PDB file of N, CA and C in Angstrom:
ATOM      1  N   MET A   1       0.804  -1.198   0.000  1.00  0.00           N
ATOM      2  CA  MET A   1       0.000   0.000   0.000  1.00  0.00           C
ATOM      3  C   MET A   1       0.847   1.261   0.000  1.00  0.00           C
ATOM      4  N   GLY A   2       2.032   1.158   0.510  1.00  0.00           N
ATOM      5  CA  GLY A   2       2.845   2.360   0.473  1.00  0.00           C
ATOM      6  C   GLY A   2       3.852   2.385   1.588  1.00  0.00           C
ATOM      7  N   ASP A   3       4.459   3.515   1.726  1.00  0.00           N
ATOM      8  CA  ASP A   3       5.497   3.748   2.726  1.00  0.00           C
ATOM      9  C   ASP A   3       4.871   3.917   4.095  1.00  0.00           C
ATOM     10  N   ASP A   4       5.297   3.081   5.088  1.00  0.00           N
ATOM     11  CA  ASP A   4       4.726   3.145   6.438  1.00  0.00           C
ATOM     12  C   ASP A   4       4.914   4.512   7.084  1.00  0.00           C
ATOM     13  N   ARG A   5       5.923   5.272   6.644  1.00  0.00           N
ATOM     14  CA  ARG A   5       6.170   6.572   7.277  1.00  0.00           C
ATOM     15  C   ARG A   5       5.122   7.612   6.898  1.00  0.00           C
ATOM     16  N   THR A   6       4.396   7.410   5.817  1.00  0.00           N
ATOM     17  CA  THR A   6       3.437   8.407   5.364  1.00  0.00           C
ATOM     18  C   THR A   6       2.003   8.101   5.782  1.00  0.00           C
ATOM     19  N   LEU A   7       1.749   6.879   6.275  1.00  0.00           N
ATOM     20  CA  LEU A   7       0.386   6.501   6.633  1.00  0.00           C
ATOM     21  C   LEU A   7       0.224   6.511   8.145  1.00  0.00           C
ATOM     22  N   PRO A   8      -0.930   6.954   8.646  1.00  0.00           N
ATOM     23  CA  PRO A   8      -1.162   6.915  10.098  1.00  0.00           C
ATOM     24  C   PRO A   8      -1.269   5.470  10.566  1.00  0.00           C
ATOM     25  N   ARG A   9      -0.863   5.227  11.784  1.00  0.00           N
ATOM     26  CA  ARG A   9      -0.976   3.895  12.379  1.00  0.00           C
ATOM     27  C   ARG A   9      -2.444   3.602  12.641  1.00  0.00           C
ATOM     28  N   PRO A  10      -2.900   2.359  12.452  1.00  0.00           N
ATOM     29  CA  PRO A  10      -4.318   2.046  12.698  1.00  0.00           C
ATOM     30  C   PRO A  10      -4.646   2.135  14.188  1.00  0.00           C
ATOM     31  N   LEU A  11      -5.827   2.594  14.468  1.00  0.00           N
ATOM     32  CA  LEU A  11      -6.313   2.652  15.852  1.00  0.00           C
ATOM     33  C   LEU A  11      -6.826   1.283  16.260  1.00  0.00           C
ATOM     34  N   PRO A  12      -6.680   0.920  17.544  1.00  0.00           N
ATOM     35  CA  PRO A  12      -7.257  -0.355  17.978  1.00  0.00           C
ATOM     36  C   PRO A  12      -8.788  -0.277  17.958  1.00  0.00           C
ATOM     37  N   GLY A  13      -9.421  -1.394  17.706  1.00  0.00           N
ATOM     38  CA  GLY A  13     -10.881  -1.430  17.722  1.00  0.00           C
ATOM     39  C   GLY A  13     -11.476  -1.030  16.386  1.00  0.00           C
ATOM     40  N   PRO A  14     -12.798  -0.989  16.316  1.00  0.00           N
ATOM     41  CA  PRO A  14     -13.477  -0.672  15.056  1.00  0.00           C
ATOM     42  C   PRO A  14     -13.207   0.753  14.603  1.00  0.00           C
ATOM     43  N   ARG A  15     -13.213   0.950  13.295  1.00  0.00           N
ATOM     44  CA  ARG A  15     -13.075   2.266  12.688  1.00  0.00           C
ATOM     45  C   ARG A  15     -14.174   2.430  11.651  1.00  0.00           C
ATOM     46  N   THR A  16     -14.505   3.645  11.368  1.00  0.00           N
ATOM     47  CA  THR A  16     -15.457   3.936  10.303  1.00  0.00           C
ATOM     48  C   THR A  16     -14.689   4.621   9.179  1.00  0.00           C
ATOM     49  N   ILE A  17     -14.840   4.109   7.972  1.00  0.00           N
ATOM     50  CA  ILE A  17     -14.220   4.749   6.814  1.00  0.00           C
ATOM     51  C   ILE A  17     -15.293   4.910   5.746  1.00  0.00           C
ATOM     52  N   ARG A  18     -15.030   5.804   4.817  1.00  0.00           N
ATOM     53  CA  ARG A  18     -15.921   5.973   3.670  1.00  0.00           C
ATOM     54  C   ARG A  18     -15.247   5.317   2.474  1.00  0.00           C
ATOM     55  N   ALA A  19     -16.058   4.705   1.616  1.00  0.00           N
ATOM     56  CA  ALA A  19     -15.540   4.049   0.422  1.00  0.00           C
ATOM     57  C   ALA A  19     -16.495   4.302  -0.734  1.00  0.00           C
ATOM     58  N   ARG A  20     -15.966   4.122  -1.929  1.00  0.00           N
ATOM     59  CA  ARG A  20     -16.758   4.295  -3.141  1.00  0.00           C
ATOM     60  C   ARG A  20     -16.764   2.943  -3.864  1.00  0.00           C
ATOM     61  N   VAL A  21     -17.871   2.611  -4.519  1.00  0.00           N
ATOM     62  CA  VAL A  21     -17.957   1.366  -5.289  1.00  0.00           C
ATOM     63  C   VAL A  21     -17.493   1.668  -6.706  1.00  0.00           C
ATOM     64  N   GLU A  22     -16.510   0.884  -7.161  1.00  0.00           N
ATOM     65  CA  GLU A  22     -16.004   1.012  -8.537  1.00  0.00           C
ATOM     66  C   GLU A  22     -15.927  -0.379  -9.140  1.00  0.00           C
ATOM     67  N   GLY A  23     -16.770  -0.653 -10.127  1.00  0.00           N
ATOM     68  CA  GLY A  23     -16.760  -1.950 -10.793  1.00  0.00           C
ATOM     69  C   GLY A  23     -17.069  -3.098  -9.843  1.00  0.00           C
ATOM     70  N   GLY A  24     -17.909  -2.846  -8.832  1.00  0.00           N
ATOM     71  CA  GLY A  24     -18.275  -3.887  -7.876  1.00  0.00           C
ATOM     72  C   GLY A  24     -17.300  -4.035  -6.721  1.00  0.00           C
ATOM     73  N   TRP A  25     -16.239  -3.242  -6.694  1.00  0.00           N
ATOM     74  CA  TRP A  25     -15.244  -3.299  -5.616  1.00  0.00           C
ATOM     75  C   TRP A  25     -15.379  -2.050  -4.749  1.00  0.00           C
ATOM     76  N   LEU A  26     -15.141  -2.216  -3.455  1.00  0.00           N
ATOM     77  CA  LEU A  26     -15.124  -1.069  -2.551  1.00  0.00           C
ATOM     78  C   LEU A  26     -13.723  -0.476  -2.539  1.00  0.00           C
ATOM     79  N   VAL A  27     -13.639   0.821  -2.824  1.00  0.00           N
ATOM     80  CA  VAL A  27     -12.356   1.516  -2.842  1.00  0.00           C
ATOM     81  C   VAL A  27     -12.384   2.561  -1.730  1.00  0.00           C
ATOM     82  N   PRO A  28     -11.551   2.404  -0.701  1.00  0.00           N
ATOM     83  CA  PRO A  28     -11.538   3.380   0.390  1.00  0.00           C
ATOM     84  C   PRO A  28     -11.189   4.774  -0.117  1.00  0.00           C
ATOM     85  N   LEU A  29     -11.792   5.783   0.485  1.00  0.00           N
ATOM     86  CA  LEU A  29     -11.509   7.168   0.107  1.00  0.00           C
ATOM     87  C   LEU A  29     -10.237   7.675   0.774  1.00  0.00           C
ATOM     88  N   VAL A  30      -9.741   6.951   1.757  1.00  0.00           N
ATOM     89  CA  VAL A  30      -8.482   7.301   2.432  1.00  0.00           C
ATOM     90  C   VAL A  30      -7.603   6.052   2.447  1.00  0.00           C
ATOM     91  N   PRO A  31      -6.285   6.211   2.452  1.00  0.00           N
ATOM     92  CA  PRO A  31      -5.422   5.026   2.516  1.00  0.00           C
ATOM     93  C   PRO A  31      -5.589   4.295   3.849  1.00  0.00           C
ATOM     94  N   LEU A  32      -5.523   2.976   3.787  1.00  0.00           N
ATOM     95  CA  LEU A  32      -5.613   2.159   4.995  1.00  0.00           C
ATOM     96  C   LEU A  32      -4.237   1.581   5.301  1.00  0.00           C
ATOM     97  N   ASP A  33      -3.814   1.696   6.522  1.00  0.00           N
ATOM     98  CA  ASP A  33      -2.514   1.171   6.927  1.00  0.00           C
ATOM     99  C   ASP A  33      -2.687  -0.272   7.379  1.00  0.00           C
ATOM    100  N   LEU A  34      -2.992  -1.138   6.410  1.00  0.00           N
ATOM    101  CA  LEU A  34      -3.174  -2.562   6.690  1.00  0.00           C
ATOM    102  C   LEU A  34      -2.319  -3.355   5.707  1.00  0.00           C
ATOM    103  N   PRO A  35      -1.692  -4.420   6.165  1.00  0.00           N
ATOM    104  CA  PRO A  35      -0.894  -5.231   5.248  1.00  0.00           C
ATOM    105  C   PRO A  35      -1.780  -5.885   4.191  1.00  0.00           C
ATOM    106  N   ASP A  36      -1.233  -6.080   3.006  1.00  0.00           N
ATOM    107  CA  ASP A  36      -1.963  -6.776   1.942  1.00  0.00           C
ATOM    108  C   ASP A  36      -2.418  -8.143   2.440  1.00  0.00           C
ATOM    109  N   GLY A  37      -3.635  -8.520   2.095  1.00  0.00           N
ATOM    110  CA  GLY A  37      -4.171  -9.815   2.490  1.00  0.00           C
ATOM    111  C   GLY A  37      -4.880  -9.807   3.832  1.00  0.00           C
ATOM    112  N   THR A  38      -4.862  -8.673   4.542  1.00  0.00           N
ATOM    113  CA  THR A  38      -5.553  -8.579   5.832  1.00  0.00           C
ATOM    114  C   THR A  38      -7.056  -8.700   5.604  1.00  0.00           C
ATOM    115  N   GLU A  39      -7.697  -9.612   6.327  1.00  0.00           N
ATOM    116  CA  GLU A  39      -9.153  -9.737   6.233  1.00  0.00           C
ATOM    117  C   GLU A  39      -9.789  -8.809   7.246  1.00  0.00           C
ATOM    118  N   ILE A  40     -10.866  -8.168   6.824  1.00  0.00           N
ATOM    119  CA  ILE A  40     -11.598  -7.264   7.707  1.00  0.00           C
ATOM    120  C   ILE A  40     -13.071  -7.635   7.680  1.00  0.00           C
ATOM    121  N   LEU A  41     -13.795  -7.227   8.696  1.00  0.00           N
ATOM    122  CA  LEU A  41     -15.238  -7.417   8.763  1.00  0.00           C
ATOM    123  C   LEU A  41     -15.873  -6.067   8.475  1.00  0.00           C
ATOM    124  N   MET A  42     -16.807  -6.018   7.514  1.00  0.00           N
ATOM    125  CA  MET A  42     -17.414  -4.745   7.134  1.00  0.00           C
ATOM    126  C   MET A  42     -18.914  -4.767   7.390  1.00  0.00           C
ATOM    127  N   ARG A  43     -19.423  -3.636   7.796  1.00  0.00           N
ATOM    128  CA  ARG A  43     -20.860  -3.406   7.861  1.00  0.00           C
ATOM    129  C   ARG A  43     -21.141  -2.289   6.869  1.00  0.00           C
ATOM    130  N   ILE A  44     -21.957  -2.560   5.893  1.00  0.00           N
ATOM    131  CA  ILE A  44     -22.218  -1.571   4.853  1.00  0.00           C
ATOM    132  C   ILE A  44     -23.468  -0.785   5.216  1.00  0.00           C
ATOM    133  N   GLU A  45     -23.321   0.524   5.223  1.00  0.00           N
ATOM    134  CA  GLU A  45     -24.431   1.432   5.538  1.00  0.00           C
ATOM    135  C   GLU A  45     -24.487   2.470   4.432  1.00  0.00           C
ATOM    136  N   LEU A  46     -25.591   2.470   3.684  1.00  0.00           N
ATOM    137  CA  LEU A  46     -25.750   3.443   2.614  1.00  0.00           C
ATOM    138  C   LEU A  46     -26.218   4.763   3.201  1.00  0.00           C
ATOM    139  N   PRO A  47     -25.712   5.883   2.674  1.00  0.00           N
ATOM    140  CA  PRO A  47     -26.203   7.182   3.151  1.00  0.00           C
ATOM    141  C   PRO A  47     -27.699   7.299   2.886  1.00  0.00           C
ATOM    142  N   ALA A  48     -28.420   7.900   3.821  1.00  0.00           N
ATOM    143  CA  ALA A  48     -29.867   8.076   3.658  1.00  0.00           C
ATOM    144  C   ALA A  48     -30.135   9.084   2.547  1.00  0.00           C
ATOM    145  N   PRO A  49     -31.117   8.800   1.688  1.00  0.00           N
ATOM    146  CA  PRO A  49     -31.482   9.786   0.662  1.00  0.00           C
ATOM    147  C   PRO A  49     -31.956  11.081   1.319  1.00  0.00           C
ATOM    148  N   ALA A  50     -31.789  12.176   0.610  1.00  0.00           N
ATOM    149  CA  ALA A  50     -32.206  13.475   1.135  1.00  0.00           C
ATOM    150  C   ALA A  50     -33.683  13.432   1.502  1.00  0.00           C
ATOM    151  N   GLY A  51     -34.023  13.917   2.676  1.00  0.00           N
ATOM    152  CA  GLY A  51     -35.407  13.943   3.129  1.00  0.00           C
ATOM    153  C   GLY A  51     -35.781  12.756   3.988  1.00  0.00           C
ATOM    154  N   ASP A  52     -35.014  11.668   3.926  1.00  0.00           N
ATOM    155  CA  ASP A  52     -35.290  10.506   4.781  1.00  0.00           C
ATOM    156  C   ASP A  52     -34.692  10.740   6.162  1.00  0.00           C
ATOM    157  N   ARG A  53     -35.311  10.121   7.147  1.00  0.00           N
ATOM    158  CA  ARG A  53     -34.784  10.223   8.511  1.00  0.00           C
ATOM    159  C   ARG A  53     -33.754   9.129   8.741  1.00  0.00           C
ATOM    160  N   PRO A  54     -32.656   9.453   9.429  1.00  0.00           N
ATOM    161  CA  PRO A  54     -31.662   8.426   9.741  1.00  0.00           C
ATOM    162  C   PRO A  54     -32.211   7.439  10.767  1.00  0.00           C
ATOM    163  N   PRO A  55     -31.614   6.257  10.889  1.00  0.00           N
ATOM    164  CA  PRO A  55     -32.095   5.260  11.850  1.00  0.00           C
ATOM    165  C   PRO A  55     -32.078   5.798  13.284  1.00  0.00           C
ATOM    166  N   ILE A  56     -33.097   5.431  14.047  1.00  0.00           N
ATOM    167  CA  ILE A  56     -33.229   5.883  15.436  1.00  0.00           C
ATOM    168  C   ILE A  56     -32.011   5.461  16.238  1.00  0.00           C
ATOM    169  N   GLY A  57     -31.518   6.387  17.059  1.00  0.00           N
ATOM    170  CA  GLY A  57     -30.408   6.091  17.954  1.00  0.00           C
ATOM    171  C   GLY A  57     -29.038   6.336  17.361  1.00  0.00           C
ATOM    172  N   THR A  58     -28.967   6.614  16.070  1.00  0.00           N
ATOM    173  CA  THR A  58     -27.669   6.880  15.461  1.00  0.00           C
ATOM    174  C   THR A  58     -27.262   8.326  15.723  1.00  0.00           C
ATOM    175  N   GLY A  59     -25.983   8.587  15.560  1.00  0.00           N
ATOM    176  CA  GLY A  59     -25.502   9.959  15.724  1.00  0.00           C
ATOM    177  C   GLY A  59     -26.187  10.905  14.767  1.00  0.00           C
ATOM    178  N   ALA A  60     -26.429  10.440  13.552  1.00  0.00           N
ATOM    179  CA  ALA A  60     -27.099  11.278  12.556  1.00  0.00           C
ATOM    180  C   ALA A  60     -28.521  11.620  12.996  1.00  0.00           C
ATOM    181  N   ALA A  61     -29.204  10.658  13.641  1.00  0.00           N
ATOM    182  CA  ALA A  61     -30.570  10.917  14.111  1.00  0.00           C
ATOM    183  C   ALA A  61     -30.567  11.950  15.237  1.00  0.00           C
ATOM    184  N   ILE A  62     -29.592  11.857  16.123  1.00  0.00           N
ATOM    185  CA  ILE A  62     -29.505  12.821  17.228  1.00  0.00           C
ATOM    186  C   ILE A  62     -29.235  14.214  16.683  1.00  0.00           C
ATOM    187  N   LEU A  63     -28.293  14.328  15.747  1.00  0.00           N
ATOM    188  CA  LEU A  63     -28.008  15.639  15.151  1.00  0.00           C
ATOM    189  C   LEU A  63     -29.215  16.192  14.410  1.00  0.00           C
ATOM    190  N   ALA A  64     -29.924  15.336  13.691  1.00  0.00           N
ATOM    191  CA  ALA A  64     -31.116  15.794  12.966  1.00  0.00           C
ATOM    192  C   ALA A  64     -32.174  16.310  13.932  1.00  0.00           C
ATOM    193  N   ALA A  65     -32.352  15.622  15.064  1.00  0.00           N
ATOM    194  CA  ALA A  65     -33.342  16.060  16.058  1.00  0.00           C
ATOM    195  C   ALA A  65     -32.952  17.411  16.658  1.00  0.00           C
ATOM    196  N   LEU A  66     -31.666  17.620  16.886  1.00  0.00           N
ATOM    197  CA  LEU A  66     -31.217  18.895  17.446  1.00  0.00           C
ATOM    198  C   LEU A  66     -31.393  20.041  16.456  1.00  0.00           C
ATOM    199  N   ARG A  67     -31.324  19.723  15.176  1.00  0.00           N
ATOM    200  CA  ARG A  67     -31.447  20.769  14.154  1.00  0.00           C
ATOM    201  C   ARG A  67     -32.894  21.145  13.848  1.00  0.00           C
ATOM    202  N   ARG A  68     -33.831  20.255  14.199  1.00  0.00           N
ATOM    203  CA  ARG A  68     -35.239  20.550  13.929  1.00  0.00           C
ATOM    204  C   ARG A  68     -35.774  21.529  14.971  1.00  0.00           C
ATOM    205  N   THR A  69     -36.550  22.468  14.514  1.00  0.00           N
ATOM    206  CA  THR A  69     -37.182  23.430  15.408  1.00  0.00           C
ATOM    207  C   THR A  69     -38.490  22.844  15.919  1.00  0.00           C
ATOM    208  N   PRO A  70     -38.710  22.853  17.241  1.00  0.00           N
ATOM    209  CA  PRO A  70     -39.975  22.308  17.750  1.00  0.00           C
ATOM    210  C   PRO A  70     -41.146  23.198  17.332  1.00  0.00           C
ATOM    211  N   LYS A  71     -42.279  22.561  17.118  1.00  0.00           N
ATOM    212  CA  LYS A  71     -43.500  23.294  16.762  1.00  0.00           C
ATOM    213  C   LYS A  71     -44.233  23.637  18.061  1.00  0.00           C
ATOM    214  N   LEU A  72     -44.068  24.850  18.540  1.00  0.00           N
ATOM    215  CA  LEU A  72     -44.661  25.276  19.808  1.00  0.00           C
ATOM    216  C   LEU A  72     -45.908  26.119  19.568  1.00  0.00           C
ATOM    217  N   GLN A  73     -46.869  25.927  20.458  1.00  0.00           N
ATOM    218  CA  GLN A  73     -48.060  26.777  20.459  1.00  0.00           C
ATOM    219  C   GLN A  73     -47.790  27.956  21.399  1.00  0.00           C
ATOM    220  N   SER A  74     -48.638  28.962  21.343  1.00  0.00           N
ATOM    221  CA  SER A  74     -48.400  30.173  22.125  1.00  0.00           C
ATOM    222  C   SER A  74     -48.377  29.911  23.634  1.00  0.00           C
ATOM    223  N   GLY A  75     -49.136  28.947  24.125  1.00  0.00           N
ATOM    224  CA  GLY A  75     -49.191  28.708  25.567  1.00  0.00           C
ATOM    225  C   GLY A  75     -48.201  27.660  26.070  1.00  0.00           C
ATOM    226  N   ASP A  76     -47.413  27.071  25.195  1.00  0.00           N
ATOM    227  CA  ASP A  76     -46.514  25.993  25.598  1.00  0.00           C
ATOM    228  C   ASP A  76     -45.455  26.453  26.599  1.00  0.00           C
ATOM    229  N   ILE A  77     -44.864  27.610  26.374  1.00  0.00           N
ATOM    230  CA  ILE A  77     -43.820  28.111  27.274  1.00  0.00           C
ATOM    231  C   ILE A  77     -44.404  28.420  28.638  1.00  0.00           C
ATOM    232  N   GLU A  78     -45.577  29.032  28.653  1.00  0.00           N
ATOM    233  CA  GLU A  78     -46.234  29.346  29.923  1.00  0.00           C
ATOM    234  C   GLU A  78     -46.576  28.060  30.677  1.00  0.00           C
ATOM    235  N   ALA A  79     -47.056  27.041  29.965  1.00  0.00           N
ATOM    236  CA  ALA A  79     -47.379  25.762  30.600  1.00  0.00           C
ATOM    237  C   ALA A  79     -46.129  25.094  31.166  1.00  0.00           C
ATOM    238  N   LEU A  80     -45.028  25.184  30.455  1.00  0.00           N
ATOM    239  CA  LEU A  80     -43.769  24.622  30.948  1.00  0.00           C
ATOM    240  C   LEU A  80     -43.320  25.337  32.217  1.00  0.00           C
ATOM    241  N   ASN A  81     -43.369  26.664  32.198  1.00  0.00           N
ATOM    242  CA  ASN A  81     -42.972  27.435  33.383  1.00  0.00           C
ATOM    243  C   ASN A  81     -43.861  27.114  34.580  1.00  0.00           C
ATOM    244  N   GLU A  82     -45.157  26.944  34.347  1.00  0.00           N
ATOM    245  CA  GLU A  82     -46.072  26.594  35.444  1.00  0.00           C
ATOM    246  C   GLU A  82     -45.754  25.208  36.000  1.00  0.00           C
ATOM    247  N   ALA A  83     -45.438  24.260  35.119  1.00  0.00           N
ATOM    248  CA  ALA A  83     -45.090  22.909  35.570  1.00  0.00           C
ATOM    249  C   ALA A  83     -43.800  22.924  36.386  1.00  0.00           C
ATOM    250  N   ILE A  84     -42.852  23.741  35.968  1.00  0.00           N
ATOM    251  CA  ILE A  84     -41.598  23.852  36.724  1.00  0.00           C
ATOM    252  C   ILE A  84     -41.872  24.430  38.103  1.00  0.00           C
ATOM    253  N   GLU A  85     -42.664  25.491  38.164  1.00  0.00           N
ATOM    254  CA  GLU A  85     -42.992  26.112  39.455  1.00  0.00           C
ATOM    255  C   GLU A  85     -43.742  25.142  40.370  1.00  0.00           C
ATOM    256  N   ALA A  86     -44.679  24.375  39.801  1.00  0.00           N
ATOM    257  CA  ALA A  86     -45.468  23.436  40.604  1.00  0.00           C
ATOM    258  C   ALA A  86     -44.603  22.306  41.152  1.00  0.00           C
ATOM    259  N   GLY A  87     -43.513  21.976  40.466  1.00  0.00           N
ATOM    260  CA  GLY A  87     -42.667  20.876  40.897  1.00  0.00           C
ATOM    261  C   GLY A  87     -41.561  21.276  41.852  1.00  0.00           C
ATOM    262  N   LYS A  88     -41.418  22.565  42.128  1.00  0.00           N
ATOM    263  CA  LYS A  88     -40.342  23.020  43.016  1.00  0.00           C
ATOM    264  C   LYS A  88     -40.634  22.628  44.454  1.00  0.00           C
ATOM    265  N   LEU A  89     -39.597  22.223  45.142  1.00  0.00           N
ATOM    266  CA  LEU A  89     -39.696  21.893  46.564  1.00  0.00           C
ATOM    267  C   LEU A  89     -39.240  23.089  47.378  1.00  0.00           C
ATOM    268  N   PRO A  90     -39.766  23.229  48.602  1.00  0.00           N
ATOM    269  CA  PRO A  90     -39.329  24.357  49.428  1.00  0.00           C
ATOM    270  C   PRO A  90     -37.846  24.217  49.796  1.00  0.00           C
ATOM    271  N   VAL A  91     -37.196  25.348  49.898  1.00  0.00           N
ATOM    272  CA  VAL A  91     -35.779  25.371  50.266  1.00  0.00           C
ATOM    273  C   VAL A  91     -35.673  25.392  51.783  1.00  0.00           C
ATOM    274  N   ARG A  92     -34.801  24.528  52.311  1.00  0.00           N
ATOM    275  CA  ARG A  92     -34.571  24.496  53.756  1.00  0.00           C
ATOM    276  C   ARG A  92     -33.194  25.059  54.049  1.00  0.00           C
ATOM    277  N   ALA A  93     -33.105  25.902  55.076  1.00  0.00           N
ATOM    278  CA  ALA A  93     -31.816  26.454  55.475  1.00  0.00           C
ATOM    279  C   ALA A  93     -30.992  25.404  56.211  1.00  0.00           C
ATOM    280  N   GLU A  94     -31.661  24.423  56.809  1.00  0.00           N
ATOM    281  CA  GLU A  94     -30.967  23.379  57.545  1.00  0.00           C
ATOM    282  C   GLU A  94     -30.959  22.098  56.727  1.00  0.00           C
ATOM    283  N   GLY A  95     -29.912  21.310  56.939  1.00  0.00           N
ATOM    284  CA  GLY A  95     -29.849  20.012  56.307  1.00  0.00           C
ATOM    285  C   GLY A  95     -30.237  18.935  57.303  1.00  0.00           C
ATOM    286  N   ILE A  96     -30.332  17.705  56.851  1.00  0.00           N
ATOM    287  CA  ILE A  96     -30.733  16.609  57.736  1.00  0.00           C
ATOM    288  C   ILE A  96     -29.676  16.353  58.804  1.00  0.00           C
ATOM    289  N   PHE A  97     -28.426  16.667  58.511  1.00  0.00           N
ATOM    290  CA  PHE A  97     -27.380  16.431  59.499  1.00  0.00           C
ATOM    291  C   PHE A  97     -27.393  17.474  60.610  1.00  0.00           C
ATOM    292  N   ASP A  98     -27.935  18.671  60.322  1.00  0.00           N
ATOM    293  CA  ASP A  98     -28.071  19.680  61.374  1.00  0.00           C
ATOM    294  C   ASP A  98     -28.999  19.172  62.468  1.00  0.00           C
ATOM    295  N   GLU A  99     -30.100  18.523  62.093  1.00  0.00           N
ATOM    296  CA  GLU A  99     -31.030  17.962  63.080  1.00  0.00           C
ATOM    297  C   GLU A  99     -30.349  16.866  63.890  1.00  0.00           C
ATOM    298  N   LEU A 100     -29.534  16.045  63.254  1.00  0.00           N
ATOM    299  CA  LEU A 100     -28.820  14.974  63.932  1.00  0.00           C
ATOM    300  C   LEU A 100     -27.817  15.549  64.929  1.00  0.00           C
ATOM    301  N   ASP A 101     -27.068  16.560  64.513  1.00  0.00           N
ATOM    302  CA  ASP A 101     -26.105  17.206  65.413  1.00  0.00           C
ATOM    303  C   ASP A 101     -26.813  17.779  66.639  1.00  0.00           C
ATOM    304  N   ARG A 102     -27.968  18.408  66.436  1.00  0.00           N
ATOM    305  CA  ARG A 102     -28.727  18.998  67.541  1.00  0.00           C
ATOM    306  C   ARG A 102     -29.204  17.903  68.503  1.00  0.00           C
ATOM    307  N   ALA A 103     -29.647  16.782  67.961  1.00  0.00           N
ATOM    308  CA  ALA A 103     -30.117  15.678  68.806  1.00  0.00           C
ATOM    309  C   ALA A 103     -28.969  15.098  69.627  1.00  0.00           C
ATOM    310  N   ILE A 104     -27.804  14.997  69.030  1.00  0.00           N
ATOM    311  CA  ILE A 104     -26.637  14.475  69.761  1.00  0.00           C
ATOM    312  C   ILE A 104     -26.266  15.425  70.889  1.00  0.00           C
ATOM    313  N   GLU A 105     -26.240  16.709  70.617  1.00  0.00           N
ATOM    314  CA  GLU A 105     -25.909  17.696  71.655  1.00  0.00           C
ATOM    315  C   GLU A 105     -26.932  17.665  72.793  1.00  0.00           C
ATOM    316  N   GLU A 106     -28.206  17.554  72.443  1.00  0.00           N
ATOM    317  CA  GLU A 106     -29.245  17.518  73.477  1.00  0.00           C
ATOM    318  C   GLU A 106     -29.125  16.253  74.323  1.00  0.00           C
ATOM    319  N   SER A 107     -28.677  15.150  73.731  1.00  0.00           N
ATOM    320  CA  SER A 107     -28.533  13.915  74.517  1.00  0.00           C
ATOM    321  C   SER A 107     -27.349  14.012  75.476  1.00  0.00           C
ATOM    322  N   LYS A 108     -26.366  14.811  75.165  1.00  0.00           N
ATOM    323  CA  LYS A 108     -25.212  15.003  76.069  1.00  0.00           C
ATOM    324  C   LYS A 108     -25.573  15.856  77.262  1.00  0.00           C
ATOM    325  N   HIS A 109     -26.505  16.776  77.067  1.00  0.00           N
ATOM    326  CA  HIS A 109     -26.902  17.716  78.124  1.00  0.00           C
ATOM    327  C   HIS A 109     -28.415  17.686  78.283  1.00  0.00           C
ATOM    328  N   PRO A 110     -28.934  16.643  78.877  1.00  0.00           N
ATOM    329  CA  PRO A 110     -30.410  16.580  79.011  1.00  0.00           C
ATOM    330  C   PRO A 110     -30.918  17.697  79.915  1.00  0.00           C
ATOM    331  N   GLN A 111     -32.088  18.201  79.575  1.00  0.00           N
ATOM    332  CA  GLN A 111     -32.701  19.258  80.402  1.00  0.00           C
ATOM    333  C   GLN A 111     -33.256  18.617  81.656  1.00  0.00           C
ATOM    334  N   ARG A 112     -33.168  19.328  82.774  1.00  0.00           N
ATOM    335  CA  ARG A 112     -33.649  18.804  84.052  1.00  0.00           C
ATOM    336  C   ARG A 112     -34.970  19.365  84.405  1.00  0.00           C
TER     337      ARG A 112
END
């Protein structure tokens, strides 16, 4: 394939590469630093046609979801804010350990 000094060393574990089909053969778009005759296991994934949704759970699906603008109605933001307010718990200045410390101190000095 070429001079080892010019090709990056392969990373351990699976890699993703892009390839083009030429005459029924897959031709990598980047050089592979693999010895001739090395057998590899391939999973072929065709790019989704424009307008199609990528498979659920893939990185492409997550990016597509982030790029889509949600369809909100005028009251949606107000409803969200109300739900957040309704779910808030009261803030306590004391923690559970403060009560424990107080109980320990009171047990050391019982009132007469």
